[in-house]
N, C-alpha and C. Protein backbone atom coordinates (compact mmCIF):
# COMPACT_ATOMS: atom_id res chain seq x y z
N MET A 1 7.11 10.63 -15.68
CA MET A 1 6.16 10.46 -16.74
C MET A 1 6.89 10.15 -18.06
N ILE A 2 7.89 10.90 -18.37
CA ILE A 2 8.65 10.66 -19.60
C ILE A 2 9.33 9.31 -19.53
N GLN A 3 9.85 8.97 -18.35
CA GLN A 3 10.51 7.68 -18.19
C GLN A 3 9.53 6.53 -18.43
N PHE A 4 8.32 6.64 -17.91
CA PHE A 4 7.31 5.60 -18.13
C PHE A 4 7.03 5.45 -19.62
N GLY A 5 6.91 6.56 -20.33
CA GLY A 5 6.65 6.50 -21.76
C GLY A 5 7.78 5.82 -22.52
N PHE A 6 9.01 6.19 -22.23
CA PHE A 6 10.15 5.58 -22.92
C PHE A 6 10.27 4.09 -22.60
N VAL A 7 10.06 3.73 -21.35
CA VAL A 7 10.18 2.32 -20.97
C VAL A 7 9.10 1.49 -21.65
N THR A 8 7.87 1.94 -21.62
CA THR A 8 6.79 1.14 -22.21
C THR A 8 6.85 1.10 -23.73
N ILE A 9 7.27 2.17 -24.35
CA ILE A 9 7.30 2.19 -25.81
C ILE A 9 8.49 1.40 -26.36
N PHE A 10 9.64 1.50 -25.73
CA PHE A 10 10.84 0.92 -26.29
C PHE A 10 11.34 -0.33 -25.55
N VAL A 11 10.48 -0.96 -24.76
CA VAL A 11 10.92 -2.15 -24.02
C VAL A 11 11.26 -3.29 -24.98
N ALA A 12 10.62 -3.37 -26.12
CA ALA A 12 10.93 -4.43 -27.08
C ALA A 12 12.33 -4.24 -27.68
N ALA A 13 12.74 -3.00 -27.85
CA ALA A 13 14.06 -2.72 -28.43
C ALA A 13 15.17 -2.83 -27.38
N PHE A 14 14.86 -2.53 -26.13
CA PHE A 14 15.86 -2.58 -25.06
C PHE A 14 15.23 -3.22 -23.83
N PRO A 15 15.26 -4.56 -23.71
CA PRO A 15 14.58 -5.25 -22.62
C PRO A 15 15.10 -4.91 -21.22
N LEU A 16 16.29 -4.35 -21.12
CA LEU A 16 16.81 -3.98 -19.81
C LEU A 16 16.33 -2.60 -19.35
N ALA A 17 15.53 -1.93 -20.16
CA ALA A 17 15.05 -0.59 -19.82
C ALA A 17 14.29 -0.56 -18.49
N PRO A 18 13.39 -1.52 -18.20
CA PRO A 18 12.71 -1.46 -16.89
C PRO A 18 13.67 -1.60 -15.71
N LEU A 19 14.69 -2.44 -15.86
CA LEU A 19 15.67 -2.58 -14.79
C LEU A 19 16.46 -1.29 -14.60
N CYS A 20 16.88 -0.68 -15.70
CA CYS A 20 17.60 0.60 -15.61
C CYS A 20 16.72 1.68 -14.98
N ALA A 21 15.45 1.69 -15.35
CA ALA A 21 14.53 2.67 -14.78
C ALA A 21 14.34 2.44 -13.29
N LEU A 22 14.25 1.17 -12.88
CA LEU A 22 14.11 0.86 -11.45
C LEU A 22 15.32 1.32 -10.66
N ILE A 23 16.51 1.03 -11.17
CA ILE A 23 17.74 1.46 -10.49
C ILE A 23 17.80 2.98 -10.42
N ASN A 24 17.45 3.63 -11.52
CA ASN A 24 17.42 5.10 -11.54
C ASN A 24 16.45 5.64 -10.50
N ASN A 25 15.27 5.05 -10.41
CA ASN A 25 14.27 5.53 -9.46
C ASN A 25 14.70 5.31 -8.02
N ILE A 26 15.35 4.18 -7.73
CA ILE A 26 15.82 3.93 -6.37
C ILE A 26 16.88 4.96 -5.98
N VAL A 27 17.83 5.20 -6.86
CA VAL A 27 18.88 6.19 -6.58
C VAL A 27 18.27 7.58 -6.42
N GLU A 28 17.37 7.93 -7.33
CA GLU A 28 16.75 9.26 -7.25
C GLU A 28 15.92 9.42 -5.99
N LEU A 29 15.21 8.37 -5.59
CA LEU A 29 14.42 8.42 -4.36
C LEU A 29 15.30 8.64 -3.14
N ARG A 30 16.41 7.92 -3.07
CA ARG A 30 17.33 8.08 -1.94
C ARG A 30 17.96 9.47 -1.91
N LEU A 31 18.36 9.97 -3.07
CA LEU A 31 18.95 11.31 -3.10
C LEU A 31 17.94 12.38 -2.72
N ASP A 32 16.71 12.25 -3.22
CA ASP A 32 15.67 13.21 -2.86
C ASP A 32 15.34 13.14 -1.37
N ALA A 33 15.30 11.93 -0.82
CA ALA A 33 15.03 11.78 0.62
C ALA A 33 16.14 12.43 1.44
N TYR A 34 17.37 12.24 1.01
CA TYR A 34 18.49 12.87 1.71
C TYR A 34 18.38 14.39 1.66
N LYS A 35 18.05 14.93 0.49
CA LYS A 35 17.91 16.39 0.37
C LYS A 35 16.78 16.91 1.25
N LEU A 36 15.66 16.18 1.28
CA LEU A 36 14.53 16.64 2.09
C LEU A 36 14.86 16.63 3.57
N VAL A 37 15.53 15.58 4.01
CA VAL A 37 15.86 15.48 5.43
C VAL A 37 16.94 16.48 5.82
N LYS A 38 17.91 16.64 4.96
CA LYS A 38 19.06 17.45 5.30
C LYS A 38 18.87 18.95 5.07
N TYR A 39 18.18 19.31 3.96
CA TYR A 39 18.18 20.71 3.57
C TYR A 39 16.82 21.39 3.51
N TYR A 40 15.77 20.64 3.39
CA TYR A 40 14.44 21.25 3.21
C TYR A 40 13.47 20.79 4.28
N GLN A 41 12.46 21.63 4.51
CA GLN A 41 11.39 21.27 5.41
C GLN A 41 10.29 20.58 4.61
N ARG A 42 9.66 19.59 5.19
CA ARG A 42 8.61 18.86 4.51
C ARG A 42 7.40 19.76 4.28
N SER A 43 6.85 19.69 3.09
CA SER A 43 5.67 20.49 2.78
C SER A 43 4.42 19.80 3.32
N ALA A 44 3.39 20.57 3.52
CA ALA A 44 2.13 20.02 4.01
C ALA A 44 1.45 19.21 2.91
N ALA A 45 0.93 18.07 3.28
CA ALA A 45 0.28 17.18 2.30
C ALA A 45 -1.13 17.67 2.01
N LEU A 46 -1.50 17.58 0.74
CA LEU A 46 -2.86 17.92 0.33
C LEU A 46 -3.58 16.64 -0.06
N LYS A 47 -4.82 16.53 0.39
CA LYS A 47 -5.59 15.32 0.10
C LYS A 47 -6.14 15.38 -1.32
N ALA A 48 -6.08 14.25 -2.01
CA ALA A 48 -6.61 14.17 -3.37
C ALA A 48 -7.49 12.93 -3.47
N GLN A 49 -8.49 13.02 -4.33
CA GLN A 49 -9.42 11.90 -4.49
C GLN A 49 -8.82 10.80 -5.37
N ASP A 50 -8.16 11.20 -6.44
CA ASP A 50 -7.52 10.24 -7.34
C ASP A 50 -6.37 10.95 -8.07
N ILE A 51 -5.83 10.32 -9.11
CA ILE A 51 -4.70 10.93 -9.81
C ILE A 51 -5.14 11.90 -10.90
N GLY A 52 -6.43 12.05 -11.08
CA GLY A 52 -6.97 13.06 -11.99
C GLY A 52 -6.65 12.81 -13.44
N ALA A 53 -6.18 13.84 -14.13
CA ALA A 53 -5.92 13.77 -15.56
C ALA A 53 -4.77 12.84 -15.90
N TRP A 54 -3.93 12.55 -14.94
CA TRP A 54 -2.79 11.66 -15.21
C TRP A 54 -3.26 10.26 -15.59
N HIS A 55 -4.44 9.84 -15.14
CA HIS A 55 -4.95 8.51 -15.49
C HIS A 55 -5.11 8.39 -17.01
N ASN A 56 -5.69 9.39 -17.64
CA ASN A 56 -5.85 9.37 -19.10
C ASN A 56 -4.51 9.42 -19.82
N ILE A 57 -3.58 10.19 -19.30
CA ILE A 57 -2.26 10.29 -19.91
C ILE A 57 -1.54 8.95 -19.85
N LEU A 58 -1.59 8.28 -18.71
CA LEU A 58 -0.94 6.98 -18.57
C LEU A 58 -1.59 5.93 -19.47
N ASN A 59 -2.91 5.97 -19.59
CA ASN A 59 -3.60 5.04 -20.51
C ASN A 59 -3.18 5.29 -21.95
N THR A 60 -3.03 6.55 -22.33
CA THR A 60 -2.60 6.88 -23.69
C THR A 60 -1.19 6.35 -23.95
N PHE A 61 -0.28 6.55 -22.98
CA PHE A 61 1.07 6.01 -23.11
C PHE A 61 1.04 4.49 -23.27
N ALA A 62 0.20 3.82 -22.50
CA ALA A 62 0.11 2.36 -22.57
C ALA A 62 -0.38 1.92 -23.95
N LEU A 63 -1.37 2.60 -24.50
CA LEU A 63 -1.88 2.25 -25.84
C LEU A 63 -0.81 2.47 -26.91
N ILE A 64 -0.10 3.57 -26.82
CA ILE A 64 0.98 3.85 -27.78
C ILE A 64 2.06 2.76 -27.66
N ALA A 65 2.37 2.36 -26.44
CA ALA A 65 3.38 1.32 -26.23
C ALA A 65 2.96 0.00 -26.85
N VAL A 66 1.70 -0.38 -26.67
CA VAL A 66 1.21 -1.63 -27.25
C VAL A 66 1.30 -1.57 -28.77
N ALA A 67 0.85 -0.48 -29.36
CA ALA A 67 0.90 -0.34 -30.82
C ALA A 67 2.34 -0.38 -31.32
N SER A 68 3.23 0.31 -30.64
CA SER A 68 4.64 0.34 -31.05
C SER A 68 5.27 -1.04 -30.96
N ASN A 69 5.00 -1.76 -29.88
CA ASN A 69 5.59 -3.09 -29.71
C ASN A 69 5.01 -4.09 -30.69
N VAL A 70 3.72 -3.99 -31.00
CA VAL A 70 3.12 -4.88 -32.00
C VAL A 70 3.73 -4.63 -33.37
N CYS A 71 3.90 -3.37 -33.73
CA CYS A 71 4.52 -3.04 -35.03
C CYS A 71 5.96 -3.53 -35.09
N SER A 72 6.70 -3.37 -34.00
CA SER A 72 8.08 -3.84 -33.97
C SER A 72 8.14 -5.36 -34.10
N ALA A 73 7.28 -6.05 -33.37
CA ALA A 73 7.26 -7.51 -33.43
C ALA A 73 6.86 -7.98 -34.83
N PHE A 74 5.88 -7.33 -35.43
CA PHE A 74 5.44 -7.69 -36.78
C PHE A 74 6.57 -7.51 -37.79
N THR A 75 7.28 -6.41 -37.68
CA THR A 75 8.39 -6.15 -38.60
C THR A 75 9.49 -7.20 -38.44
N VAL A 76 9.84 -7.52 -37.20
CA VAL A 76 10.89 -8.52 -36.96
C VAL A 76 10.44 -9.88 -37.46
N LEU A 77 9.19 -10.25 -37.20
CA LEU A 77 8.70 -11.55 -37.67
C LEU A 77 8.68 -11.62 -39.19
N CYS A 78 8.32 -10.53 -39.85
CA CYS A 78 8.35 -10.51 -41.31
C CYS A 78 9.77 -10.65 -41.83
N LEU A 79 10.72 -9.99 -41.19
CA LEU A 79 12.11 -10.11 -41.62
C LEU A 79 12.65 -11.53 -41.38
N ILE A 80 12.25 -12.14 -40.27
CA ILE A 80 12.67 -13.52 -40.00
C ILE A 80 12.06 -14.46 -41.04
N ALA A 81 10.78 -14.25 -41.37
CA ALA A 81 10.12 -15.09 -42.37
C ALA A 81 10.79 -14.92 -43.74
N THR A 82 11.22 -13.71 -44.02
CA THR A 82 11.90 -13.45 -45.29
C THR A 82 13.18 -14.26 -45.38
N LYS A 83 13.95 -14.28 -44.31
CA LYS A 83 15.22 -15.00 -44.31
C LYS A 83 15.01 -16.52 -44.26
N ALA A 84 14.08 -16.98 -43.43
CA ALA A 84 13.90 -18.42 -43.22
C ALA A 84 13.18 -19.10 -44.38
N CYS A 85 12.14 -18.46 -44.92
CA CYS A 85 11.30 -19.11 -45.92
C CYS A 85 11.60 -18.63 -47.34
N GLY A 86 12.42 -17.64 -47.46
CA GLY A 86 12.71 -17.11 -48.78
C GLY A 86 11.58 -16.28 -49.36
N VAL A 87 10.68 -15.81 -48.50
CA VAL A 87 9.56 -14.99 -48.94
C VAL A 87 10.08 -13.59 -49.22
N ASN A 88 9.62 -13.01 -50.31
CA ASN A 88 10.04 -11.66 -50.66
C ASN A 88 9.35 -10.66 -49.75
N TRP A 89 10.11 -9.75 -49.14
CA TRP A 89 9.57 -8.76 -48.22
C TRP A 89 8.53 -7.88 -48.91
N VAL A 90 8.75 -7.54 -50.17
CA VAL A 90 7.80 -6.69 -50.90
C VAL A 90 6.47 -7.42 -51.06
N VAL A 91 6.52 -8.71 -51.33
CA VAL A 91 5.29 -9.49 -51.46
C VAL A 91 4.58 -9.56 -50.12
N THR A 92 5.33 -9.78 -49.04
CA THR A 92 4.74 -9.85 -47.70
C THR A 92 4.06 -8.54 -47.34
N ARG A 93 4.70 -7.42 -47.64
CA ARG A 93 4.10 -6.12 -47.35
C ARG A 93 2.86 -5.89 -48.16
N SER A 94 2.85 -6.33 -49.43
CA SER A 94 1.70 -6.06 -50.29
C SER A 94 0.49 -6.86 -49.84
N LEU A 95 0.68 -7.96 -49.10
CA LEU A 95 -0.44 -8.71 -48.59
C LEU A 95 -1.21 -7.94 -47.52
N PHE A 96 -0.51 -7.10 -46.78
CA PHE A 96 -1.13 -6.40 -45.67
C PHE A 96 -1.50 -4.95 -45.99
N TYR A 97 -0.93 -4.38 -47.03
CA TYR A 97 -1.19 -2.98 -47.36
C TYR A 97 -1.80 -2.88 -48.76
N HIS A 98 -3.10 -3.07 -48.86
CA HIS A 98 -3.79 -2.97 -50.17
C HIS A 98 -4.23 -1.56 -50.42
């Protein structure tokens, strides 16, 4: 859950985060499978109708990620416009924050 939040929120800052998370999950899955087969007995499965409250939590993480990435992209685009067009950053900010 924490990994999903970090990957979705900071993917714009570190584009390789999903790949690192995938590699981490594959290694962790294999190690957990080895431990279950070698050292532990499998627990009895319980039937569930859906993922329950986790659905709302995942949706909240997704919304936060979208907002974070939009703000990051807006900031970078404003900085690029400042350098390329000679627009003053203070003037650009004042247009959006009245």
